[in-house]
C-alpha cells in the first residue's frame, strides 16, 4: 500500500500561500480600504465612514495558489493568477431598511470609490463590487448594513439579506483548530477543482465555499493525508448521491448552496473519478506509481519527482481501501 503522506505535505507547501504572497494580497486589500476611506472623507456622505472585515478563504487560511493561466497578447506572454479575496464593507447604524439609502446607492458609493484604482473598470455585481487587477487576482467588496447582531447584505436583486460571513469563519476555524488536517484537506479539494477548471473551462465546479462545507461536514481524520482525503471524498460522494445539496451552516442557515448549480452530473462524475484514482493510488505498492494516480486528479504540481520508485511494505489499513463503511460522516470589523 503506497504511503504518499509525505508527498501530500510537500504538495501542501506548494499550494498554500507563502508569507510573501499573503503580504502582497494584504497590501492590495489595504490600498483599496485606504481609497474607500478617502472617498467618504472627501465626499462627506452625512458623516458616514464604513468599516471593514476580511472574510472568506483568505481569513480561514484555506485559500490556494491557483494554477497560473497563460495569456498571449501579440508577442507578449503573461501569466495570470486568479486569487479571489473578499473584504466586507460594513455600514454601522440604527436605520431600519425603509429609512436607509437604497441598496443601489451603497453600491454606487463603493463603485465610485474604487473606480480608476486599476486599468479595468470594477464590476457592480448583485452581491458585491468586484475590483480586477492586472495580475489576475480580484477583490470582492460585499456591502453590509449592521443594525443589530446580524449584518444584512446589500443584494441588488433580493434586497437586504441576513448574512454573517464572520460566523462562518468562526464555524470553520473552530473545526480546524481541533483538526488542523482539515485545512489541508480543503486545500487539496480546491486544488482538484482548480485543476478540473484549468483542463475544462466550459464546466464550472462548485464554489470554494461549497467544497469547504462538504469537506468540514464529511472530514475523516487519519494520520495520513492520502487516506484522510480519500475517505473524505468517499463520504462526500455517498451523501451527495442520496441528496445533492449543501446547506450553509451559519446565517442564513439551511440555505442550499447547490440549488443553482447546473453541472451535477459532471461534478459527480469528476468526484467518482477522483475517488477511483485515490483508491488505485493507495492500493499501489510502489510510491512512484501511486503518485501518478494522484497526479491525474491534482495536476503535475503534485511532486512525483520526490516519490520513491520502489515497493513499500504492505501495511493493512482495515476498511479504508474499499469504501465508505467506516467513514465519519474569524474575523473582526475594523
Protein backbone atom coordinates (compact mmCIF):
# COMPACT_ATOMS: atom_id res chain seq x y z
CA UNK A 1 0.00 0.00 0.00
CA UNK A 2 1.71 3.19 -1.22
CA UNK A 3 2.06 5.77 1.54
CA UNK A 4 2.06 9.21 -0.12
CA UNK A 5 1.56 11.24 3.05
CA UNK A 6 4.98 12.91 2.79
CA UNK A 7 4.24 13.86 -0.82
CA UNK A 8 0.96 15.46 0.23
CA UNK A 9 2.72 17.52 2.87
CA UNK A 10 5.16 18.76 0.24
CA UNK A 11 2.25 19.46 -2.10
CA UNK A 12 0.52 21.43 0.64
CA UNK A 13 3.56 23.69 0.92
CA UNK A 14 3.25 24.35 -2.83
CA UNK A 15 -0.44 25.20 -2.90
CA UNK A 16 -0.60 27.09 0.40
CA UNK A 17 0.03 30.86 0.26
CA UNK A 18 3.59 31.86 1.02
CA UNK A 19 4.05 34.60 3.60
CA UNK A 20 5.30 36.97 0.90
CA UNK A 21 2.21 36.36 -1.25
CA UNK A 22 -0.05 36.79 1.75
CA UNK A 23 1.58 40.15 2.50
CA UNK A 24 1.21 41.20 -1.14
CA UNK A 25 -2.53 40.43 -1.17
CA UNK A 26 -2.98 42.14 2.19
CA UNK A 27 -1.29 45.24 0.80
CA UNK A 28 -3.62 45.17 -2.21
CA UNK A 29 -6.60 44.98 0.15
CA UNK A 30 -5.18 47.75 2.37
CA UNK A 31 -4.80 50.13 -0.58
CA UNK A 32 -8.46 49.62 -1.52
CA UNK A 33 -9.56 50.27 2.05
CA UNK A 34 -7.49 53.44 2.13
CA UNK A 35 -9.03 54.63 -1.13
CA UNK A 36 -12.58 53.97 0.09
CA UNK A 37 -11.98 55.79 3.38
CA UNK A 38 -10.58 58.75 1.48
CA UNK A 39 -13.64 58.82 -0.80
CA UNK A 40 -16.04 59.03 2.13
CA UNK A 41 -13.90 61.62 3.88
CA UNK A 42 -13.72 63.85 0.82
CA UNK A 43 -17.36 63.48 -0.25
CA UNK A 44 -18.92 63.86 3.22
CA UNK A 45 -21.75 61.35 2.91
CA UNK A 46 -23.61 62.59 6.03
CA UNK A 47 -20.58 61.77 8.13
CA UNK A 48 -20.75 58.11 7.11
CA UNK A 49 -17.50 56.14 7.33
CA UNK A 50 -17.65 52.40 6.59
CA UNK A 51 -15.71 49.75 8.48
CA UNK A 52 -14.04 46.67 7.02
CA UNK A 53 -13.64 43.00 7.80
CA UNK A 54 -11.77 40.42 5.77
CA UNK A 55 -13.73 37.24 5.11
CA UNK A 56 -13.62 34.02 3.15
CA UNK A 57 -10.79 31.60 2.47
CA UNK A 58 -8.06 34.21 2.87
CA UNK A 59 -9.06 34.68 6.50
CA UNK A 60 -9.51 30.94 7.10
CA UNK A 61 -6.13 30.02 5.61
CA UNK A 62 -7.81 27.68 3.13
CA UNK A 63 -7.03 29.79 0.06
CA UNK A 64 -4.76 28.13 -2.51
CA UNK A 65 -2.19 29.16 -5.06
CA UNK A 66 -4.10 28.61 -8.32
CA UNK A 67 -2.59 27.16 -11.48
CA UNK A 68 -1.25 30.12 -13.50
CA UNK A 69 -3.22 30.79 -16.68
CA UNK A 70 -1.25 31.77 -19.76
CA UNK A 71 -2.44 34.81 -21.71
CA UNK A 72 -0.86 35.80 -25.03
CA UNK A 73 -1.20 39.35 -26.35
CA UNK A 74 0.70 39.76 -29.60
CA UNK A 75 4.28 38.77 -28.83
CA UNK A 76 3.80 39.08 -25.09
CA UNK A 77 3.18 36.08 -22.84
CA UNK A 78 1.59 36.83 -19.49
CA UNK A 79 0.61 34.57 -16.62
CA UNK A 80 -2.50 35.34 -14.58
CA UNK A 81 -3.12 34.13 -11.03
CA UNK A 82 -6.82 34.02 -10.15
CA UNK A 83 -6.77 34.67 -6.42
CA UNK A 84 -10.21 35.58 -5.04
CA UNK A 85 -10.15 37.85 -1.99
CA UNK A 86 -13.25 39.01 -0.09
CA UNK A 87 -13.30 42.15 2.03
CA UNK A 88 -16.60 43.03 3.66
CA UNK A 89 -17.63 46.69 3.89
CA UNK A 90 -19.87 47.46 6.87
CA UNK A 91 -22.11 50.45 7.45
CA UNK A 92 -22.95 50.52 11.16
CA UNK A 93 -26.15 52.26 12.26
CA UNK A 94 -29.68 52.11 13.64
CA UNK A 95 -31.68 52.71 10.48
CA UNK A 96 -34.49 50.34 9.55
CA UNK A 97 -34.50 49.10 5.96
CA UNK A 98 -37.15 51.63 4.87
CA UNK A 99 -35.14 54.63 6.08
CA UNK A 100 -31.72 53.60 4.77
CA UNK A 101 -30.27 54.76 1.49
CA UNK A 102 -31.20 52.49 -1.41
CA UNK A 103 -29.11 49.39 -1.99
CA UNK A 104 -28.01 50.78 -5.34
CA UNK A 105 -26.79 53.94 -3.60
CA UNK A 106 -24.50 51.92 -1.34
CA UNK A 107 -23.22 50.03 -4.37
CA UNK A 108 -22.69 53.28 -6.27
CA UNK A 109 -20.67 54.75 -3.43
CA UNK A 110 -18.29 51.80 -3.36
CA UNK A 111 -18.11 51.60 -7.15
CA UNK A 112 -17.23 55.29 -7.40
CA UNK A 113 -14.71 54.98 -4.57
CA UNK A 114 -12.70 52.23 -6.30
CA UNK A 115 -13.24 53.25 -9.94
CA UNK A 116 -9.89 54.02 -11.54
CA UNK A 117 -7.92 52.04 -8.96
CA UNK A 118 -6.93 49.61 -11.73
CA UNK A 119 -6.94 49.86 -15.52
CA UNK A 120 -10.01 47.60 -15.70
CA UNK A 121 -13.31 49.15 -14.55
CA UNK A 122 -14.85 47.50 -11.47
CA UNK A 123 -17.88 45.25 -11.85
CA UNK A 124 -21.06 46.05 -9.93
CA UNK A 125 -22.45 42.58 -9.20
CA UNK A 126 -25.65 41.79 -7.32
CA UNK A 127 -23.73 40.72 -4.24
CA UNK A 128 -20.63 42.91 -4.33
CA UNK A 129 -18.42 45.32 -6.22
CA UNK A 130 -15.51 43.44 -7.80
CA UNK A 131 -12.13 45.05 -8.42
CA UNK A 132 -9.98 43.35 -11.09
CA UNK A 133 -6.18 43.51 -11.07
CA UNK A 134 -3.78 43.07 -13.98
CA UNK A 135 -2.07 40.03 -12.44
CA UNK A 136 -5.37 38.11 -12.36
CA UNK A 137 -6.41 38.48 -8.73
CA UNK A 138 -9.64 40.16 -7.77
CA UNK A 139 -11.04 41.64 -4.59
CA UNK A 140 -14.78 41.33 -3.99
CA UNK A 141 -16.34 44.03 -1.81
CA UNK A 142 -19.70 42.82 -0.42
CA UNK A 143 -21.62 45.60 1.32
CA UNK A 144 -23.42 45.15 4.65
CA UNK A 145 -25.58 47.22 6.96
CA UNK A 146 -25.21 46.22 10.61
CA UNK A 147 -28.02 47.39 12.86
CA UNK A 148 -28.14 44.61 15.46
CA UNK A 149 -26.24 41.39 15.93
CA UNK A 150 -26.65 40.08 12.38
CA UNK A 151 -25.39 42.05 9.35
CA UNK A 152 -27.57 42.39 6.25
CA UNK A 153 -26.08 42.03 2.78
CA UNK A 154 -26.99 44.71 0.23
CA UNK A 155 -28.16 42.38 -2.56
CA UNK A 156 -29.30 44.30 -5.65
CA UNK A 157 -31.75 41.62 -6.77
CA UNK A 158 -33.02 40.32 -3.41
CA UNK A 159 -32.94 43.44 -1.19
CA UNK A 160 -31.41 43.21 2.30
CA UNK A 161 -30.48 39.65 3.28
CA UNK A 162 -29.26 38.47 6.67
CA UNK A 163 -25.72 37.22 6.13
CA UNK A 164 -22.88 36.72 8.61
CA UNK A 165 -19.61 35.64 6.97
CA UNK A 166 -17.72 36.16 10.23
CA UNK A 167 -19.85 33.46 11.86
CA UNK A 168 -18.98 31.10 9.03
CA UNK A 169 -15.26 31.76 9.51
CA UNK A 170 -15.71 31.08 13.21
CA UNK A 171 -17.58 27.83 12.45
CA UNK A 172 -14.81 26.58 10.18
CA UNK A 173 -11.90 27.82 12.29
CA UNK A 174 -13.24 26.07 15.38
CA UNK A 175 -13.32 22.78 13.47
CA UNK A 176 -9.85 23.36 12.01
CA UNK A 177 -8.39 24.22 15.42
CA UNK A 178 -9.48 20.80 16.66
CA UNK A 179 -8.27 19.06 13.47
CA UNK A 180 -5.61 21.15 11.64
CA UNK A 181 -5.51 18.47 8.93
CA UNK A 182 -8.93 19.72 7.79
CA UNK A 183 -7.38 22.87 6.30
CA UNK A 184 -5.08 20.74 4.17
CA UNK A 185 -7.97 18.56 3.02
CA UNK A 186 -9.88 21.68 1.95
CA UNK A 187 -6.82 22.93 0.04
CA UNK A 188 -6.49 19.59 -1.76
CA UNK A 189 -10.17 19.71 -2.75
CA UNK A 190 -9.85 23.27 -4.02
CA UNK A 191 -6.72 22.36 -5.97
CA UNK A 192 -8.56 19.45 -7.59
CA UNK A 193 -11.38 21.84 -8.52
CA UNK A 194 -8.93 24.40 -9.92
CA UNK A 195 -7.22 21.69 -11.98
CA UNK A 196 -10.58 20.48 -13.35
CA UNK A 197 -11.47 24.02 -14.43
CA UNK A 198 -8.00 24.52 -15.88
CA UNK A 199 -8.49 21.39 -18.02
CA UNK A 200 -12.10 22.20 -18.97
CA UNK A 201 -13.05 25.86 -18.77
CA UNK A 202 -16.57 25.17 -20.07
CA UNK A 203 -17.58 23.16 -16.99
CA UNK A 204 -17.77 25.16 -13.76
CA UNK A 205 -17.13 23.41 -10.46
CA UNK A 206 -18.91 24.21 -7.18
CA UNK A 207 -17.59 27.22 -5.30
CA UNK A 208 -14.81 27.08 -2.76
CA UNK A 209 -17.40 27.78 -0.07
CA UNK A 210 -19.33 24.65 -1.04
CA UNK A 211 -16.21 22.49 -1.12
CA UNK A 212 -15.20 23.83 2.29
CA UNK A 213 -18.56 22.95 3.84
CA UNK A 214 -18.59 19.49 2.25
CA UNK A 215 -15.07 18.78 3.50
CA UNK A 216 -15.84 20.01 7.01
CA UNK A 217 -19.08 18.00 7.24
CA UNK A 218 -17.55 14.78 5.92
CA UNK A 219 -13.96 15.07 7.16
CA UNK A 220 -12.30 11.76 8.01
CA UNK A 221 -9.41 12.02 10.42
CA UNK A 222 -6.33 9.88 9.78
CA UNK A 223 -2.61 10.13 10.41
CA UNK A 224 -2.05 10.00 6.64
CA UNK A 225 -3.33 12.81 4.43
CA UNK A 226 -3.80 10.50 1.45
CA UNK A 227 -6.15 8.22 3.38
CA UNK A 228 -7.92 11.14 5.05
CA UNK A 229 -8.56 12.74 1.66
CA UNK A 230 -9.75 9.53 0.04
CA UNK A 231 -12.16 8.70 2.86
CA UNK A 232 -13.47 12.27 2.96
CA UNK A 233 -14.17 12.05 -0.78
CA UNK A 234 -16.00 8.74 -0.35
CA UNK A 235 -18.19 10.22 2.38
CA UNK A 236 -18.98 13.33 0.32
CA UNK A 237 -19.92 11.26 -2.73
CA UNK A 238 -22.15 8.94 -0.69
CA UNK A 239 -24.04 11.88 0.84
CA UNK A 240 -24.48 13.77 -2.44
CA UNK A 241 -25.61 10.62 -4.23
CA UNK A 242 -28.54 10.41 -1.81
CA UNK A 243 -29.30 14.14 -1.74
CA UNK A 244 -27.44 16.62 -3.93
CA UNK A 245 -27.44 19.60 -1.60
CA UNK A 246 -25.04 21.57 0.58
CA UNK A 247 -26.57 23.60 3.39
CA UNK A 248 -24.97 26.73 4.74
CA UNK A 249 -24.26 26.11 8.46
CA UNK A 250 -24.50 29.75 9.54
CA UNK A 251 -26.75 32.72 8.74
CA UNK A 252 -28.65 32.25 6.50
CA UNK A 253 -28.52 28.71 7.92
CA UNK A 254 -30.07 25.94 5.85
CA UNK A 255 -29.66 27.70 2.50
CA UNK A 256 -28.94 25.08 -0.18
CA UNK A 257 -25.83 26.42 -1.89
CA UNK A 258 -26.09 23.81 -4.65
CA UNK A 259 -29.62 24.80 -5.66
CA UNK A 260 -28.45 26.83 -8.67
CA UNK A 261 -25.50 24.64 -9.66
CA UNK A 262 -26.33 23.10 -13.04
CA UNK A 263 -23.46 20.64 -13.54
CA UNK A 264 -24.43 17.90 -11.08
CA UNK A 265 -23.70 15.03 -13.48
CA UNK A 266 -20.30 16.45 -14.41
CA UNK A 267 -19.31 17.14 -10.81
CA UNK A 268 -20.40 13.73 -9.53
CA UNK A 269 -18.58 12.02 -12.40
CA UNK A 270 -15.43 14.01 -11.65
CA UNK A 271 -15.74 13.18 -7.95
CA UNK A 272 -16.08 9.46 -8.66
CA UNK A 273 -13.03 9.58 -10.93
CA UNK A 274 -11.08 11.30 -8.13
CA UNK A 275 -12.14 8.54 -5.72
CA UNK A 276 -11.15 5.86 -8.22
CA UNK A 277 -7.70 7.39 -8.67
CA UNK A 278 -7.34 7.73 -4.90
CA UNK A 279 -8.17 4.06 -4.33
CA UNK A 280 -5.74 2.94 -7.03
CA UNK A 281 -3.03 5.17 -5.57
CA UNK A 282 -3.44 3.73 -2.09
CA UNK A 283 -3.65 0.13 -3.34
CA UNK A 284 -0.45 0.56 -5.36
CA UNK A 285 2.66 -0.85 -3.63
CA UNK A 286 5.09 1.41 -5.47
CA UNK A 287 5.02 5.01 -4.23
CA UNK A 288 6.01 6.48 -7.58
CA UNK A 289 3.27 4.59 -9.40
CA UNK A 290 0.78 5.52 -6.72
CA UNK A 291 1.80 9.14 -7.03
CA UNK A 292 0.94 9.10 -10.72
CA UNK A 293 -2.69 8.33 -9.86
CA UNK A 294 -2.82 11.31 -7.51
CA UNK A 295 -1.28 13.46 -10.21
CA UNK A 296 -4.13 12.56 -12.58
CA UNK A 297 -6.54 14.31 -10.21
CA UNK A 298 -4.38 17.05 -8.75
CA UNK A 299 -2.18 18.04 -11.69
CA UNK A 300 1.54 17.99 -12.33
CA UNK A 301 2.30 20.21 -9.34
CA UNK A 302 1.84 17.07 -7.25
CA UNK A 303 5.50 16.15 -6.54
CA UNK A 304 6.01 12.78 -8.20
CA UNK A 305 9.67 13.69 -8.73
CA UNK A 306 10.09 13.13 -4.98
CA UNK A 307 8.39 9.72 -4.97
CA UNK A 308 10.43 6.57 -4.36
CA UNK A 309 10.46 4.10 -7.22
CA UNK A 310 10.34 1.04 -5.00
CA UNK A 311 7.75 -1.20 -3.40
CA UNK A 312 6.72 -0.32 0.11
CA UNK A 313 5.93 -2.81 2.84
CA UNK A 314 2.22 -3.67 2.71
CA UNK A 315 0.61 -2.38 5.90
CA UNK A 316 -3.09 -3.20 6.06
CA UNK A 317 -5.43 -0.36 6.91
CA UNK A 318 -8.75 -2.06 7.52
CA UNK A 319 -11.80 -0.69 5.77
CA UNK A 320 -10.02 2.16 4.04
CA UNK A 321 -9.30 0.93 0.55
CA UNK A 322 -12.67 -0.45 -0.42
CA UNK A 323 -15.14 2.22 0.53
CA UNK A 324 -17.22 4.25 2.87
CA UNK A 325 -18.32 1.77 5.53
CA UNK A 326 -16.18 3.31 8.26
CA UNK A 327 -16.20 6.93 7.05
CA UNK A 328 -17.25 9.59 9.55
CA UNK A 329 -19.65 11.37 8.21
CA UNK A 330 -12.98 34.54 12.40
CA UNK A 331 -12.60 37.88 11.75
CA UNK A 332 -13.30 41.35 13.19
CA UNK A 333 -14.84 44.52 11.84
CA UNK A 334 -12.38 47.41 11.91
